[in-house]
Amino acid sequence: MPGKKGLHIESSGQLCIYCGACVGVCPLNCVYLDETRITFDEKICTRCEVCVKACPVGAIEIG
């Protein structure tokens, strides 16, 4: 989709604490968490930034 902002999820362990807050608030259910990483479905994500606001450690950046 042209014009969509890029999505970067920092899940290398530097910031992400794998709490799942982003997964629970995503209105489109496009954020996924396993024991080693967070992923998202870029085709579904609308960049609403709900996950960014929900993250307690600021591990998700949209830009």
PDB file of N, CA and C in Angstrom:
ATOM      1  N   MET A   1       0.847  -1.174   0.000  1.00  0.00           N
ATOM      2  CA  MET A   1       0.000   0.000   0.000  1.00  0.00           C
ATOM      3  C   MET A   1       0.890   1.233   0.000  1.00  0.00           C
ATOM      4  N   PRO A   2       0.860   2.055  -1.013  1.00  0.00           N
ATOM      5  CA  PRO A   2       1.697   3.237  -1.098  1.00  0.00           C
ATOM      6  C   PRO A   2       1.376   4.226   0.011  1.00  0.00           C
ATOM      7  N   GLY A   3       2.411   4.868   0.517  1.00  0.00           N
ATOM      8  CA  GLY A   3       2.227   5.875   1.537  1.00  0.00           C
ATOM      9  C   GLY A   3       2.202   5.364   2.958  1.00  0.00           C
ATOM     10  N   LYS A   4       2.197   4.058   3.156  1.00  0.00           N
ATOM     11  CA  LYS A   4       2.223   3.525   4.509  1.00  0.00           C
ATOM     12  C   LYS A   4       3.554   3.828   5.154  1.00  0.00           C
ATOM     13  N   LYS A   5       3.517   4.198   6.427  1.00  0.00           N
ATOM     14  CA  LYS A   5       4.753   4.381   7.168  1.00  0.00           C
ATOM     15  C   LYS A   5       5.380   3.020   7.414  1.00  0.00           C
ATOM     16  N   GLY A   6       6.704   2.982   7.497  1.00  0.00           N
ATOM     17  CA  GLY A   6       7.385   1.739   7.819  1.00  0.00           C
ATOM     18  C   GLY A   6       7.172   1.388   9.274  1.00  0.00           C
ATOM     19  N   LEU A   7       7.213   0.152   9.606  1.00  0.00           N
ATOM     20  CA  LEU A   7       7.056  -0.285  10.985  1.00  0.00           C
ATOM     21  C   LEU A   7       8.307  -1.008  11.418  1.00  0.00           C
ATOM     22  N   HIS A   8       8.844  -0.594  12.538  1.00  0.00           N
ATOM     23  CA  HIS A   8      10.017  -1.243  13.099  1.00  0.00           C
ATOM     24  C   HIS A   8       9.654  -1.687  14.501  1.00  0.00           C
ATOM     25  N   ILE A   9       9.833  -2.943  14.783  1.00  0.00           N
ATOM     26  CA  ILE A   9       9.597  -3.444  16.127  1.00  0.00           C
ATOM     27  C   ILE A   9      10.931  -3.904  16.690  1.00  0.00           C
ATOM     28  N   GLU A  10      11.367  -3.268  17.748  1.00  0.00           N
ATOM     29  CA  GLU A  10      12.615  -3.632  18.409  1.00  0.00           C
ATOM     30  C   GLU A  10      12.313  -4.803  19.332  1.00  0.00           C
ATOM     31  N   SER A  11      12.755  -5.963  18.946  1.00  0.00           N
ATOM     32  CA  SER A  11      12.483  -7.145  19.769  1.00  0.00           C
ATOM     33  C   SER A  11      13.742  -7.973  19.983  1.00  0.00           C
ATOM     34  N   SER A  12      14.884  -7.318  19.915  1.00  0.00           N
ATOM     35  CA  SER A  12      16.140  -8.042  20.046  1.00  0.00           C
ATOM     36  C   SER A  12      16.511  -8.319  21.499  1.00  0.00           C
ATOM     37  N   GLY A  13      15.680  -7.868  22.414  1.00  0.00           N
ATOM     38  CA  GLY A  13      16.028  -8.036  23.820  1.00  0.00           C
ATOM     39  C   GLY A  13      16.611  -6.762  24.389  1.00  0.00           C
ATOM     40  N   GLN A  14      16.997  -5.831  23.530  1.00  0.00           N
ATOM     41  CA  GLN A  14      17.531  -4.561  24.007  1.00  0.00           C
ATOM     42  C   GLN A  14      16.452  -3.789  24.762  1.00  0.00           C
ATOM     43  N   LEU A  15      15.248  -3.765  24.229  1.00  0.00           N
ATOM     44  CA  LEU A  15      14.149  -3.049  24.868  1.00  0.00           C
ATOM     45  C   LEU A  15      12.971  -3.948  25.213  1.00  0.00           C
ATOM     46  N   CYS A  16      12.576  -4.778  24.277  1.00  0.00           N
ATOM     47  CA  CYS A  16      11.377  -5.597  24.442  1.00  0.00           C
ATOM     48  C   CYS A  16      11.508  -6.547  25.629  1.00  0.00           C
ATOM     49  N   ILE A  17      10.454  -6.565  26.456  1.00  0.00           N
ATOM     50  CA  ILE A  17      10.445  -7.478  27.611  1.00  0.00           C
ATOM     51  C   ILE A  17       9.439  -8.622  27.404  1.00  0.00           C
ATOM     52  N   TYR A  18       8.900  -8.734  26.175  1.00  0.00           N
ATOM     53  CA  TYR A  18       7.997  -9.820  25.792  1.00  0.00           C
ATOM     54  C   TYR A  18       6.794  -9.938  26.725  1.00  0.00           C
ATOM     55  N   CYS A  19       6.228  -8.783  27.099  1.00  0.00           N
ATOM     56  CA  CYS A  19       5.079  -8.780  28.005  1.00  0.00           C
ATOM     57  C   CYS A  19       3.766  -9.066  27.283  1.00  0.00           C
ATOM     58  N   GLY A  20       3.726  -8.828  25.972  1.00  0.00           N
ATOM     59  CA  GLY A  20       2.523  -9.088  25.199  1.00  0.00           C
ATOM     60  C   GLY A  20       1.497  -7.962  25.207  1.00  0.00           C
ATOM     61  N   ALA A  21       1.825  -6.827  25.795  1.00  0.00           N
ATOM     62  CA  ALA A  21       0.878  -5.714  25.837  1.00  0.00           C
ATOM     63  C   ALA A  21       0.465  -5.281  24.436  1.00  0.00           C
ATOM     64  N   CYS A  22       1.391  -5.289  23.512  1.00  0.00           N
ATOM     65  CA  CYS A  22       1.101  -4.877  22.134  1.00  0.00           C
ATOM     66  C   CYS A  22       0.151  -5.851  21.447  1.00  0.00           C
ATOM     67  N   VAL A  23       0.290  -7.118  21.761  1.00  0.00           N
ATOM     68  CA  VAL A  23      -0.558  -8.148  21.155  1.00  0.00           C
ATOM     69  C   VAL A  23      -1.996  -7.976  21.621  1.00  0.00           C
ATOM     70  N   GLY A  24      -2.155  -7.730  22.895  1.00  0.00           N
ATOM     71  CA  GLY A  24      -3.487  -7.641  23.482  1.00  0.00           C
ATOM     72  C   GLY A  24      -4.303  -6.439  23.046  1.00  0.00           C
ATOM     73  N   VAL A  25      -3.648  -5.372  22.598  1.00  0.00           N
ATOM     74  CA  VAL A  25      -4.384  -4.162  22.239  1.00  0.00           C
ATOM     75  C   VAL A  25      -4.565  -3.959  20.744  1.00  0.00           C
ATOM     76  N   CYS A  26      -3.909  -4.748  19.929  1.00  0.00           N
ATOM     77  CA  CYS A  26      -3.987  -4.553  18.485  1.00  0.00           C
ATOM     78  C   CYS A  26      -5.418  -4.800  18.002  1.00  0.00           C
ATOM     79  N   PRO A  27      -6.074  -3.760  17.446  1.00  0.00           N
ATOM     80  CA  PRO A  27      -7.460  -3.941  17.012  1.00  0.00           C
ATOM     81  C   PRO A  27      -7.607  -4.862  15.805  1.00  0.00           C
ATOM     82  N   LEU A  28      -6.520  -5.090  15.085  1.00  0.00           N
ATOM     83  CA  LEU A  28      -6.574  -5.958  13.907  1.00  0.00           C
ATOM     84  C   LEU A  28      -5.919  -7.318  14.129  1.00  0.00           C
ATOM     85  N   ASN A  29      -5.451  -7.559  15.347  1.00  0.00           N
ATOM     86  CA  ASN A  29      -4.791  -8.822  15.694  1.00  0.00           C
ATOM     87  C   ASN A  29      -3.652  -9.167  14.739  1.00  0.00           C
ATOM     88  N   CYS A  30      -2.817  -8.179  14.432  1.00  0.00           N
ATOM     89  CA  CYS A  30      -1.729  -8.427  13.488  1.00  0.00           C
ATOM     90  C   CYS A  30      -0.348  -8.421  14.145  1.00  0.00           C
ATOM     91  N   VAL A  31      -0.306  -8.391  15.492  1.00  0.00           N
ATOM     92  CA  VAL A  31       0.961  -8.470  16.212  1.00  0.00           C
ATOM     93  C   VAL A  31       1.018  -9.833  16.894  1.00  0.00           C
ATOM     94  N   TYR A  32       2.149 -10.515  16.745  1.00  0.00           N
ATOM     95  CA  TYR A  32       2.299 -11.871  17.275  1.00  0.00           C
ATOM     96  C   TYR A  32       3.536 -11.946  18.153  1.00  0.00           C
ATOM     97  N   LEU A  33       3.455 -12.706  19.210  1.00  0.00           N
ATOM     98  CA  LEU A  33       4.546 -12.845  20.165  1.00  0.00           C
ATOM     99  C   LEU A  33       4.845 -14.316  20.389  1.00  0.00           C
ATOM    100  N   ASP A  34       6.133 -14.653  20.323  1.00  0.00           N
ATOM    101  CA  ASP A  34       6.547 -15.971  20.794  1.00  0.00           C
ATOM    102  C   ASP A  34       7.654 -15.743  21.813  1.00  0.00           C
ATOM    103  N   GLU A  35       8.311 -16.760  22.243  1.00  0.00           N
ATOM    104  CA  GLU A  35       9.283 -16.603  23.325  1.00  0.00           C
ATOM    105  C   GLU A  35      10.561 -15.865  22.931  1.00  0.00           C
ATOM    106  N   THR A  36      10.773 -15.628  21.666  1.00  0.00           N
ATOM    107  CA  THR A  36      12.016 -14.977  21.250  1.00  0.00           C
ATOM    108  C   THR A  36      11.846 -13.723  20.402  1.00  0.00           C
ATOM    109  N   ARG A  37      10.613 -13.415  19.973  1.00  0.00           N
ATOM    110  CA  ARG A  37      10.459 -12.243  19.115  1.00  0.00           C
ATOM    111  C   ARG A  37       9.008 -11.809  18.983  1.00  0.00           C
ATOM    112  N   ILE A  38       8.859 -10.574  18.508  1.00  0.00           N
ATOM    113  CA  ILE A  38       7.553 -10.038  18.156  1.00  0.00           C
ATOM    114  C   ILE A  38       7.556  -9.856  16.649  1.00  0.00           C
ATOM    115  N   THR A  39       6.476 -10.237  16.015  1.00  0.00           N
ATOM    116  CA  THR A  39       6.343 -10.024  14.582  1.00  0.00           C
ATOM    117  C   THR A  39       4.989  -9.387  14.320  1.00  0.00           C
ATOM    118  N   PHE A  40       4.798  -8.881  13.125  1.00  0.00           N
ATOM    119  CA  PHE A  40       3.531  -8.284  12.756  1.00  0.00           C
ATOM    120  C   PHE A  40       3.235  -8.607  11.307  1.00  0.00           C
ATOM    121  N   ASP A  41       1.976  -8.532  10.969  1.00  0.00           N
ATOM    122  CA  ASP A  41       1.556  -8.765   9.589  1.00  0.00           C
ATOM    123  C   ASP A  41       1.438  -7.406   8.908  1.00  0.00           C
ATOM    124  N   GLU A  42       2.428  -7.056   8.124  1.00  0.00           N
ATOM    125  CA  GLU A  42       2.491  -5.748   7.487  1.00  0.00           C
ATOM    126  C   GLU A  42       1.338  -5.508   6.517  1.00  0.00           C
ATOM    127  N   LYS A  43       0.780  -6.582   5.970  1.00  0.00           N
ATOM    128  CA  LYS A  43      -0.338  -6.436   5.038  1.00  0.00           C
ATOM    129  C   LYS A  43      -1.619  -6.009   5.745  1.00  0.00           C
ATOM    130  N   ILE A  44      -1.730  -6.337   7.021  1.00  0.00           N
ATOM    131  CA  ILE A  44      -2.925  -6.007   7.794  1.00  0.00           C
ATOM    132  C   ILE A  44      -2.742  -4.714   8.591  1.00  0.00           C
ATOM    133  N   CYS A  45      -1.562  -4.466   9.097  1.00  0.00           N
ATOM    134  CA  CYS A  45      -1.295  -3.332   9.980  1.00  0.00           C
ATOM    135  C   CYS A  45      -1.612  -2.002   9.295  1.00  0.00           C
ATOM    136  N   THR A  46      -2.366  -1.149   9.978  1.00  0.00           N
ATOM    137  CA  THR A  46      -2.735   0.167   9.447  1.00  0.00           C
ATOM    138  C   THR A  46      -1.923   1.291  10.081  1.00  0.00           C
ATOM    139  N   ARG A  47      -0.958   0.948  10.921  1.00  0.00           N
ATOM    140  CA  ARG A  47      -0.099   1.933  11.604  1.00  0.00           C
ATOM    141  C   ARG A  47      -0.923   2.848  12.505  1.00  0.00           C
ATOM    142  N   CYS A  48      -1.864   2.277  13.236  1.00  0.00           N
ATOM    143  CA  CYS A  48      -2.722   3.054  14.131  1.00  0.00           C
ATOM    144  C   CYS A  48      -1.983   3.506  15.389  1.00  0.00           C
ATOM    145  N   GLU A  49      -0.869   2.886  15.696  1.00  0.00           N
ATOM    146  CA  GLU A  49       0.010   3.213  16.816  1.00  0.00           C
ATOM    147  C   GLU A  49      -0.540   2.829  18.191  1.00  0.00           C
ATOM    148  N   VAL A  50      -1.600   2.021  18.245  1.00  0.00           N
ATOM    149  CA  VAL A  50      -2.123   1.569  19.523  1.00  0.00           C
ATOM    150  C   VAL A  50      -1.066   0.728  20.248  1.00  0.00           C
ATOM    151  N   CYS A  51      -0.349  -0.105  19.504  1.00  0.00           N
ATOM    152  CA  CYS A  51       0.688  -0.940  20.108  1.00  0.00           C
ATOM    153  C   CYS A  51       1.839  -0.093  20.655  1.00  0.00           C
ATOM    154  N   VAL A  52       2.167   0.981  19.956  1.00  0.00           N
ATOM    155  CA  VAL A  52       3.236   1.878  20.395  1.00  0.00           C
ATOM    156  C   VAL A  52       2.892   2.469  21.758  1.00  0.00           C
ATOM    157  N   LYS A  53       1.664   2.916  21.898  1.00  0.00           N
ATOM    158  CA  LYS A  53       1.211   3.538  23.156  1.00  0.00           C
ATOM    159  C   LYS A  53       1.095   2.513  24.283  1.00  0.00           C
ATOM    160  N   ALA A  54       0.795   1.267  23.949  1.00  0.00           N
ATOM    161  CA  ALA A  54       0.625   0.223  24.961  1.00  0.00           C
ATOM    162  C   ALA A  54       1.942  -0.317  25.492  1.00  0.00           C
ATOM    163  N   CYS A  55       3.014  -0.180  24.736  1.00  0.00           N
ATOM    164  CA  CYS A  55       4.290  -0.766  25.137  1.00  0.00           C
ATOM    165  C   CYS A  55       4.874  -0.030  26.345  1.00  0.00           C
ATOM    166  N   PRO A  56       5.085  -0.742  27.450  1.00  0.00           N
ATOM    167  CA  PRO A  56       5.569  -0.084  28.665  1.00  0.00           C
ATOM    168  C   PRO A  56       7.044   0.313  28.620  1.00  0.00           C
ATOM    169  N   VAL A  57       7.798  -0.188  27.648  1.00  0.00           N
ATOM    170  CA  VAL A  57       9.229   0.127  27.579  1.00  0.00           C
ATOM    171  C   VAL A  57       9.625   0.845  26.307  1.00  0.00           C
ATOM    172  N   GLY A  58       8.663   1.217  25.485  1.00  0.00           N
ATOM    173  CA  GLY A  58       8.965   1.960  24.261  1.00  0.00           C
ATOM    174  C   GLY A  58       9.721   1.161  23.222  1.00  0.00           C
ATOM    175  N   ALA A  59       9.437  -0.127  23.126  1.00  0.00           N
ATOM    176  CA  ALA A  59      10.173  -1.002  22.213  1.00  0.00           C
ATOM    177  C   ALA A  59       9.655  -0.957  20.778  1.00  0.00           C
ATOM    178  N   ILE A  60       8.509  -0.322  20.543  1.00  0.00           N
ATOM    179  CA  ILE A  60       7.935  -0.309  19.200  1.00  0.00           C
ATOM    180  C   ILE A  60       8.015   1.110  18.655  1.00  0.00           C
ATOM    181  N   GLU A  61       8.542   1.205  17.452  1.00  0.00           N
ATOM    182  CA  GLU A  61       8.642   2.497  16.786  1.00  0.00           C
ATOM    183  C   GLU A  61       7.981   2.404  15.415  1.00  0.00           C
ATOM    184  N   ILE A  62       7.184   3.393  15.078  1.00  0.00           N
ATOM    185  CA  ILE A  62       6.631   3.486  13.737  1.00  0.00           C
ATOM    186  C   ILE A  62       7.209   4.749  13.116  1.00  0.00           C
ATOM    187  N   GLY A  63       7.803   4.573  11.966  1.00  0.00           N
ATOM    188  CA  GLY A  63       8.396   5.758  11.358  1.00  0.00           C
ATOM    189  C   GLY A  63       8.851   5.503   9.950  1.00  0.00           C
TER     190      GLY A  63
END
